[in-house]
PDB file of all heavy atoms in Angstrom:
ATOM      1  N   CYS A   1     -32.000   2.522 -18.127  1.00  0.00           N
ATOM      2  CA  CYS A   1     -32.801   1.372 -17.663  1.00  0.00           C
ATOM      3  C   CYS A   1     -33.991   1.810 -16.840  1.00  0.00           C
ATOM      4  O   CYS A   1     -34.018   2.884 -16.265  1.00  0.00           O
ATOM      5  CB  CYS A   1     -31.932   0.444 -16.833  1.00  0.00           C
ATOM      6  SG  CYS A   1     -30.613  -0.335 -17.810  1.00  0.00           S
ATOM      7  N   GLU A   2     -34.946   0.894 -16.722  1.00  0.00           N
ATOM      8  CA  GLU A   2     -36.082   1.093 -15.839  1.00  0.00           C
ATOM      9  C   GLU A   2     -35.549   1.157 -14.403  1.00  0.00           C
ATOM     10  O   GLU A   2     -34.450   0.731 -14.101  1.00  0.00           O
ATOM     11  CB  GLU A   2     -37.060  -0.066 -15.981  1.00  0.00           C
ATOM     12  CG  GLU A   2     -37.535  -0.270 -17.374  1.00  0.00           C
ATOM     13  CD  GLU A   2     -38.992   0.036 -17.582  1.00  0.00           C
ATOM     14  OE1 GLU A   2     -39.711   0.211 -16.584  1.00  0.00           O
ATOM     15  OE2 GLU A   2     -39.402   0.108 -18.731  1.00  0.00           O
ATOM     16  N   ILE A   3     -36.402   1.629 -13.488  1.00  0.00           N
ATOM     17  CA  ILE A   3     -36.058   1.705 -12.075  1.00  0.00           C
ATOM     18  C   ILE A   3     -36.574   0.441 -11.379  1.00  0.00           C
ATOM     19  O   ILE A   3     -37.728   0.106 -11.535  1.00  0.00           O
ATOM     20  CB  ILE A   3     -36.692   2.951 -11.425  1.00  0.00           C
ATOM     21  CG1 ILE A   3     -36.195   4.205 -12.121  1.00  0.00           C
ATOM     22  CG2 ILE A   3     -36.439   2.992  -9.920  1.00  0.00           C
ATOM     23  CD1 ILE A   3     -36.957   5.458 -11.763  1.00  0.00           C
ATOM     24  N   PRO A   4     -35.741  -0.305 -10.658  1.00  0.00           N
ATOM     25  CA  PRO A   4     -34.292  -0.157 -10.509  1.00  0.00           C
ATOM     26  C   PRO A   4     -33.598  -0.898 -11.645  1.00  0.00           C
ATOM     27  O   PRO A   4     -34.139  -1.856 -12.220  1.00  0.00           O
ATOM     28  CB  PRO A   4     -33.998  -0.825  -9.170  1.00  0.00           C
ATOM     29  CG  PRO A   4     -35.001  -1.917  -9.080  1.00  0.00           C
ATOM     30  CD  PRO A   4     -36.256  -1.378  -9.758  1.00  0.00           C
ATOM     31  N   CYS A   5     -32.382  -0.475 -11.934  1.00  0.00           N
ATOM     32  CA  CYS A   5     -31.576  -1.129 -12.969  1.00  0.00           C
ATOM     33  C   CYS A   5     -31.211  -2.543 -12.521  1.00  0.00           C
ATOM     34  O   CYS A   5     -30.629  -2.718 -11.454  1.00  0.00           O
ATOM     35  CB  CYS A   5     -30.313  -0.312 -13.229  1.00  0.00           C
ATOM     36  SG  CYS A   5     -29.182  -1.088 -14.384  1.00  0.00           S
ATOM     37  N   PRO A   6     -31.514  -3.572 -13.309  1.00  0.00           N
ATOM     38  CA  PRO A   6     -31.195  -4.931 -12.880  1.00  0.00           C
ATOM     39  C   PRO A   6     -29.683  -5.205 -12.779  1.00  0.00           C
ATOM     40  O   PRO A   6     -29.280  -6.073 -11.999  1.00  0.00           O
ATOM     41  CB  PRO A   6     -31.833  -5.813 -13.971  1.00  0.00           C
ATOM     42  CG  PRO A   6     -32.031  -4.923 -15.132  1.00  0.00           C
ATOM     43  CD  PRO A   6     -32.197  -3.534 -14.584  1.00  0.00           C
ATOM     44  N   CYS A   7     -28.864  -4.468 -13.509  1.00  0.00           N
ATOM     45  CA  CYS A   7     -27.406  -4.667 -13.436  1.00  0.00           C
ATOM     46  C   CYS A   7     -26.883  -4.474 -12.020  1.00  0.00           C
ATOM     47  O   CYS A   7     -25.962  -5.161 -11.577  1.00  0.00           O
ATOM     48  CB  CYS A   7     -26.687  -3.713 -14.383  1.00  0.00           C
ATOM     49  SG  CYS A   7     -27.149  -3.926 -16.098  1.00  0.00           S
ATOM     50  N   ASN A   8     -27.457  -3.529 -11.267  1.00  0.00           N
ATOM     51  CA  ASN A   8     -27.010  -3.242  -9.929  1.00  0.00           C
ATOM     52  C   ASN A   8     -27.366  -4.369  -8.948  1.00  0.00           C
ATOM     53  O   ASN A   8     -26.840  -4.411  -7.859  1.00  0.00           O
ATOM     54  CB  ASN A   8     -27.600  -1.910  -9.425  1.00  0.00           C
ATOM     55  CG  ASN A   8     -27.173  -0.755 -10.298  1.00  0.00           C
ATOM     56  OD1 ASN A   8     -26.203  -0.851 -11.045  1.00  0.00           O
ATOM     57  ND2 ASN A   8     -27.880   0.338 -10.217  1.00  0.00           N
ATOM     58  N   PHE A   9     -28.249  -5.253  -9.372  1.00  0.00           N
ATOM     59  CA  PHE A   9     -28.698  -6.347  -8.547  1.00  0.00           C
ATOM     60  C   PHE A   9     -28.108  -7.698  -9.026  1.00  0.00           C
ATOM     61  O   PHE A   9     -28.606  -8.749  -8.692  1.00  0.00           O
ATOM     62  CB  PHE A   9     -30.223  -6.412  -8.501  1.00  0.00           C
ATOM     63  CG  PHE A   9     -30.811  -5.238  -7.792  1.00  0.00           C
ATOM     64  CD1 PHE A   9     -30.952  -4.005  -8.424  1.00  0.00           C
ATOM     65  CD2 PHE A   9     -31.187  -5.356  -6.447  1.00  0.00           C
ATOM     66  CE1 PHE A   9     -31.466  -2.918  -7.760  1.00  0.00           C
ATOM     67  CE2 PHE A   9     -31.701  -4.234  -5.779  1.00  0.00           C
ATOM     68  CZ  PHE A   9     -31.850  -3.023  -6.417  1.00  0.00           C
ATOM     69  N   GLY A  10     -27.084  -7.621  -9.852  1.00  0.00           N
ATOM     70  CA  GLY A  10     -26.410  -8.835 -10.313  1.00  0.00           C
ATOM     71  C   GLY A  10     -27.046  -9.487 -11.537  1.00  0.00           C
ATOM     72  O   GLY A  10     -26.706 -10.619 -11.880  1.00  0.00           O
ATOM     73  N   ARG A  11     -27.946  -8.789 -12.196  1.00  0.00           N
ATOM     74  CA  ARG A  11     -28.579  -9.302 -13.417  1.00  0.00           C
ATOM     75  C   ARG A  11     -28.214  -8.407 -14.579  1.00  0.00           C
ATOM     76  O   ARG A  11     -27.711  -7.297 -14.398  1.00  0.00           O
ATOM     77  CB  ARG A  11     -30.113  -9.307 -13.261  1.00  0.00           C
ATOM     78  CG  ARG A  11     -30.623 -10.126 -12.089  1.00  0.00           C
ATOM     79  CD  ARG A  11     -30.461 -11.592 -12.382  1.00  0.00           C
ATOM     80  NE  ARG A  11     -31.081 -12.402 -11.394  1.00  0.00           N
ATOM     81  CZ  ARG A  11     -30.418 -13.136 -10.492  1.00  0.00           C
ATOM     82  NH1 ARG A  11     -29.126 -13.120 -10.483  1.00  0.00           N
ATOM     83  NH2 ARG A  11     -31.050 -13.838  -9.613  1.00  0.00           N
ATOM     84  N   ARG A  12     -28.506  -8.812 -15.771  1.00  0.00           N
ATOM     85  CA  ARG A  12     -28.284  -7.974 -16.970  1.00  0.00           C
ATOM     86  C   ARG A  12     -29.600  -7.448 -17.483  1.00  0.00           C
ATOM     87  O   ARG A  12     -30.589  -8.165 -17.479  1.00  0.00           O
ATOM     88  CB  ARG A  12     -27.604  -8.781 -18.078  1.00  0.00           C
ATOM     89  CG  ARG A  12     -26.147  -9.007 -17.843  1.00  0.00           C
ATOM     90  CD  ARG A  12     -25.421  -7.713 -18.065  1.00  0.00           C
ATOM     91  NE  ARG A  12     -23.993  -7.893 -17.941  1.00  0.00           N
ATOM     92  CZ  ARG A  12     -23.198  -6.922 -17.584  1.00  0.00           C
ATOM     93  NH1 ARG A  12     -23.665  -5.739 -17.326  1.00  0.00           N
ATOM     94  NH2 ARG A  12     -21.928  -7.126 -17.510  1.00  0.00           N
ATOM     95  N   THR A  13     -29.579  -6.225 -17.898  1.00  0.00           N
ATOM     96  CA  THR A  13     -30.781  -5.638 -18.482  1.00  0.00           C
ATOM     97  C   THR A  13     -31.009  -6.235 -19.865  1.00  0.00           C
ATOM     98  O   THR A  13     -30.070  -6.639 -20.552  1.00  0.00           O
ATOM     99  CB  THR A  13     -30.675  -4.116 -18.567  1.00  0.00           C
ATOM    100  OG1 THR A  13     -31.917  -3.606 -19.086  1.00  0.00           O
ATOM    101  CG2 THR A  13     -29.533  -3.659 -19.457  1.00  0.00           C
ATOM    102  N   LYS A  14     -32.268  -6.270 -20.289  1.00  0.00           N
ATOM    103  CA  LYS A  14     -32.605  -6.679 -21.645  1.00  0.00           C
ATOM    104  C   LYS A  14     -32.698  -5.453 -22.569  1.00  0.00           C
ATOM    105  O   LYS A  14     -32.847  -5.573 -23.758  1.00  0.00           O
ATOM    106  CB  LYS A  14     -33.910  -7.445 -21.633  1.00  0.00           C
ATOM    107  CG  LYS A  14     -33.778  -8.782 -20.901  1.00  0.00           C
ATOM    108  CD  LYS A  14     -35.062  -9.547 -20.874  1.00  0.00           C
ATOM    109  CE  LYS A  14     -34.853 -10.928 -20.363  1.00  0.00           C
ATOM    110  NZ  LYS A  14     -35.129 -11.210 -19.039  1.00  0.00           N
ATOM    111  N   LEU A  15     -32.592  -4.281 -21.942  1.00  0.00           N
ATOM    112  CA  LEU A  15     -32.665  -3.027 -22.702  1.00  0.00           C
ATOM    113  C   LEU A  15     -31.259  -2.602 -23.123  1.00  0.00           C
ATOM    114  O   LEU A  15     -30.258  -3.076 -22.588  1.00  0.00           O
ATOM    115  CB  LEU A  15     -33.264  -1.922 -21.821  1.00  0.00           C
ATOM    116  CG  LEU A  15     -34.641  -2.178 -21.243  1.00  0.00           C
ATOM    117  CD1 LEU A  15     -35.000  -1.098 -20.231  1.00  0.00           C
ATOM    118  CD2 LEU A  15     -35.660  -2.287 -22.358  1.00  0.00           C
ATOM    119  N   LYS A  16     -31.194  -1.679 -24.036  1.00  0.00           N
ATOM    120  CA  LYS A  16     -29.914  -1.027 -24.375  1.00  0.00           C
ATOM    121  C   LYS A  16     -29.581  -0.114 -23.222  1.00  0.00           C
ATOM    122  O   LYS A  16     -30.370   0.741 -22.873  1.00  0.00           O
ATOM    123  CB  LYS A  16     -30.022  -0.250 -25.692  1.00  0.00           C
ATOM    124  CG  LYS A  16     -28.761   0.438 -26.090  1.00  0.00           C
ATOM    125  CD  LYS A  16     -28.958   1.180 -27.392  1.00  0.00           C
ATOM    126  CE  LYS A  16     -27.738   1.959 -27.752  1.00  0.00           C
ATOM    127  NZ  LYS A  16     -26.945   1.341 -28.772  1.00  0.00           N
ATOM    128  N   CYS A  17     -28.428  -0.355 -22.569  1.00  0.00           N
ATOM    129  CA  CYS A  17     -28.096   0.415 -21.381  1.00  0.00           C
ATOM    130  C   CYS A  17     -27.085   1.515 -21.730  1.00  0.00           C
ATOM    131  O   CYS A  17     -25.932   1.248 -22.014  1.00  0.00           O
ATOM    132  CB  CYS A  17     -27.522  -0.481 -20.291  1.00  0.00           C
ATOM    133  SG  CYS A  17     -27.186   0.420 -18.792  1.00  0.00           S
ATOM    134  N   GLU A  18     -27.568   2.746 -21.747  1.00  0.00           N
ATOM    135  CA  GLU A  18     -26.720   3.920 -21.977  1.00  0.00           C
ATOM    136  C   GLU A  18     -26.674   4.659 -20.653  1.00  0.00           C
ATOM    137  O   GLU A  18     -27.714   4.941 -20.061  1.00  0.00           O
ATOM    138  CB  GLU A  18     -27.315   4.799 -23.052  1.00  0.00           C
ATOM    139  CG  GLU A  18     -27.448   4.076 -24.397  1.00  0.00           C
ATOM    140  CD  GLU A  18     -28.344   4.811 -25.372  1.00  0.00           C
ATOM    141  OE1 GLU A  18     -29.396   5.342 -24.956  1.00  0.00           O
ATOM    142  OE2 GLU A  18     -27.996   4.818 -26.543  1.00  0.00           O
ATOM    143  N   GLY A  19     -25.445   4.975 -20.189  1.00  0.00           N
ATOM    144  CA  GLY A  19     -25.363   5.603 -18.875  1.00  0.00           C
ATOM    145  C   GLY A  19     -24.198   6.524 -18.735  1.00  0.00           C
ATOM    146  O   GLY A  19     -23.321   6.606 -19.570  1.00  0.00           O
ATOM    147  N   SER A  20     -24.221   7.249 -17.594  1.00  0.00           N
ATOM    148  CA  SER A  20     -23.111   8.128 -17.216  1.00  0.00           C
ATOM    149  C   SER A  20     -22.935   7.951 -15.703  1.00  0.00           C
ATOM    150  O   SER A  20     -23.891   8.081 -14.937  1.00  0.00           O
ATOM    151  CB  SER A  20     -23.437   9.581 -17.521  1.00  0.00           C
ATOM    152  OG  SER A  20     -23.521   9.767 -18.918  1.00  0.00           O
ATOM    153  N   ARG A  21     -21.693   7.674 -15.307  1.00  0.00           N
ATOM    154  CA  ARG A  21     -21.373   7.442 -13.888  1.00  0.00           C
ATOM    155  C   ARG A  21     -20.307   8.435 -13.447  1.00  0.00           C
ATOM    156  O   ARG A  21     -19.255   8.548 -14.079  1.00  0.00           O
ATOM    157  CB  ARG A  21     -20.865   6.024 -13.704  1.00  0.00           C
ATOM    158  CG  ARG A  21     -20.443   5.748 -12.251  1.00  0.00           C
ATOM    159  CD  ARG A  21     -19.936   4.339 -12.080  1.00  0.00           C
ATOM    160  NE  ARG A  21     -21.040   3.406 -12.144  1.00  0.00           N
ATOM    161  CZ  ARG A  21     -20.942   2.109 -11.966  1.00  0.00           C
ATOM    162  NH1 ARG A  21     -19.750   1.572 -11.690  1.00  0.00           N
ATOM    163  NH2 ARG A  21     -21.988   1.333 -12.021  1.00  0.00           N
ATOM    164  N   LEU A  22     -20.577   9.116 -12.350  1.00  0.00           N
ATOM    165  CA  LEU A  22     -19.627   9.986 -11.712  1.00  0.00           C
ATOM    166  C   LEU A  22     -18.952   9.229 -10.571  1.00  0.00           C
ATOM    167  O   LEU A  22     -19.656   8.600  -9.768  1.00  0.00           O
ATOM    168  CB  LEU A  22     -20.344  11.196 -11.132  1.00  0.00           C
ATOM    169  CG  LEU A  22     -19.562  12.077 -10.150  1.00  0.00           C
ATOM    170  CD1 LEU A  22     -18.451  12.823 -10.859  1.00  0.00           C
ATOM    171  CD2 LEU A  22     -20.504  13.046  -9.447  1.00  0.00           C
ATOM    172  N   ILE A  23     -17.640   9.264 -10.516  1.00  0.00           N
ATOM    173  CA  ILE A  23     -16.903   8.707  -9.383  1.00  0.00           C
ATOM    174  C   ILE A  23     -15.993   9.800  -8.849  1.00  0.00           C
ATOM    175  O   ILE A  23     -15.199  10.382  -9.579  1.00  0.00           O
ATOM    176  CB  ILE A  23     -16.072   7.467  -9.824  1.00  0.00           C
ATOM    177  CG1 ILE A  23     -17.017   6.363 -10.347  1.00  0.00           C
ATOM    178  CG2 ILE A  23     -15.216   6.968  -8.657  1.00  0.00           C
ATOM    179  CD1 ILE A  23     -16.333   5.132 -10.873  1.00  0.00           C
ATOM    180  N   GLN A  24     -16.163  10.100  -7.559  1.00  0.00           N
ATOM    181  CA  GLN A  24     -15.324  11.097  -6.877  1.00  0.00           C
ATOM    182  C   GLN A  24     -14.653  10.434  -5.695  1.00  0.00           C
ATOM    183  O   GLN A  24     -15.317  10.012  -4.759  1.00  0.00           O
ATOM    184  CB  GLN A  24     -16.173  12.264  -6.373  1.00  0.00           C
ATOM    185  CG  GLN A  24     -16.743  13.133  -7.480  1.00  0.00           C
ATOM    186  CD  GLN A  24     -17.536  14.282  -6.903  1.00  0.00           C
ATOM    187  OE1 GLN A  24     -18.571  14.058  -6.293  1.00  0.00           O
ATOM    188  NE2 GLN A  24     -17.002  15.489  -7.065  1.00  0.00           N
ATOM    189  N   ILE A  25     -13.348  10.310  -5.775  1.00  0.00           N
ATOM    190  CA  ILE A  25     -12.585   9.676  -4.697  1.00  0.00           C
ATOM    191  C   ILE A  25     -12.582  10.610  -3.498  1.00  0.00           C
ATOM    192  O   ILE A  25     -12.240  11.785  -3.608  1.00  0.00           O
ATOM    193  CB  ILE A  25     -11.165   9.333  -5.160  1.00  0.00           C
ATOM    194  CG1 ILE A  25     -11.213   8.322  -6.333  1.00  0.00           C
ATOM    195  CG2 ILE A  25     -10.352   8.780  -3.992  1.00  0.00           C
ATOM    196  CD1 ILE A  25      -9.876   8.010  -6.981  1.00  0.00           C
ATOM    197  N   THR A  26     -13.005  10.098  -2.335  1.00  0.00           N
ATOM    198  CA  THR A  26     -13.071  10.900  -1.110  1.00  0.00           C
ATOM    199  C   THR A  26     -11.893  10.642  -0.207  1.00  0.00           C
ATOM    200  O   THR A  26     -11.531  11.504   0.565  1.00  0.00           O
ATOM    201  CB  THR A  26     -14.370  10.621  -0.338  1.00  0.00           C
ATOM    202  OG1 THR A  26     -14.484   9.226  -0.062  1.00  0.00           O
ATOM    203  CG2 THR A  26     -15.576  11.080  -1.141  1.00  0.00           C
ATOM    204  N   GLU A  27     -11.328   9.423  -0.267  1.00  0.00           N
ATOM    205  CA  GLU A  27     -10.115   9.183   0.473  1.00  0.00           C
ATOM    206  C   GLU A  27      -9.372   8.004  -0.166  1.00  0.00           C
ATOM    207  O   GLU A  27      -9.979   7.106  -0.725  1.00  0.00           O
ATOM    208  CB  GLU A  27     -10.393   8.868   1.946  1.00  0.00           C
ATOM    209  CG  GLU A  27     -11.175   7.621   2.223  1.00  0.00           C
ATOM    210  CD  GLU A  27     -11.415   7.382   3.708  1.00  0.00           C
ATOM    211  OE1 GLU A  27     -12.228   8.109   4.276  1.00  0.00           O
ATOM    212  OE2 GLU A  27     -10.790   6.459   4.255  1.00  0.00           O
ATOM    213  N   GLY A  28      -8.047   8.100  -0.142  1.00  0.00           N
ATOM    214  CA  GLY A  28      -7.216   7.039  -0.704  1.00  0.00           C
ATOM    215  C   GLY A  28      -5.904   7.602  -1.198  1.00  0.00           C
ATOM    216  O   GLY A  28      -5.771   8.801  -1.403  1.00  0.00           O
ATOM    217  N   ASN A  29      -4.931   6.722  -1.334  1.00  0.00           N
ATOM    218  CA  ASN A  29      -3.645   7.129  -1.831  1.00  0.00           C
ATOM    219  C   ASN A  29      -2.954   5.957  -2.480  1.00  0.00           C
ATOM    220  O   ASN A  29      -3.321   4.795  -2.239  1.00  0.00           O
ATOM    221  CB  ASN A  29      -2.789   7.717  -0.713  1.00  0.00           C
ATOM    222  CG  ASN A  29      -2.485   6.695   0.365  1.00  0.00           C
ATOM    223  OD1 ASN A  29      -1.696   5.776   0.133  1.00  0.00           O
ATOM    224  ND2 ASN A  29      -3.139   6.808   1.524  1.00  0.00           N
ATOM    225  N   ILE A  30      -1.966   6.253  -3.287  1.00  0.00           N
ATOM    226  CA  ILE A  30      -1.113   5.250  -3.887  1.00  0.00           C
ATOM    227  C   ILE A  30       0.272   5.854  -4.017  1.00  0.00           C
ATOM    228  O   ILE A  30       0.420   6.997  -4.453  1.00  0.00           O
ATOM    229  CB  ILE A  30      -1.654   4.760  -5.255  1.00  0.00           C
ATOM    230  CG1 ILE A  30      -0.766   3.636  -5.782  1.00  0.00           C
ATOM    231  CG2 ILE A  30      -1.775   5.880  -6.226  1.00  0.00           C
ATOM    232  CD1 ILE A  30      -1.357   2.892  -6.959  1.00  0.00           C
ATOM    233  N   GLY A  31       1.246   5.126  -3.551  1.00  0.00           N
ATOM    234  CA  GLY A  31       2.624   5.622  -3.633  1.00  0.00           C
ATOM    235  C   GLY A  31       2.838   6.962  -2.964  1.00  0.00           C
ATOM    236  O   GLY A  31       3.656   7.760  -3.431  1.00  0.00           O
ATOM    237  N   GLY A  32       2.085   7.261  -1.911  1.00  0.00           N
ATOM    238  CA  GLY A  32       2.221   8.521  -1.208  1.00  0.00           C
ATOM    239  C   GLY A  32       1.425   9.664  -1.809  1.00  0.00           C
ATOM    240  O   GLY A  32       1.337  10.731  -1.226  1.00  0.00           O
TER     241      GLY A  32
END
């Protein structure tokens, strides 16, 4: 998407949105 991506602001892009997102958990637990 163009800068800034409208999806991040609660809107949908009119473009084809191809992306890659990295998520790295820094703190948290489940069931110990």
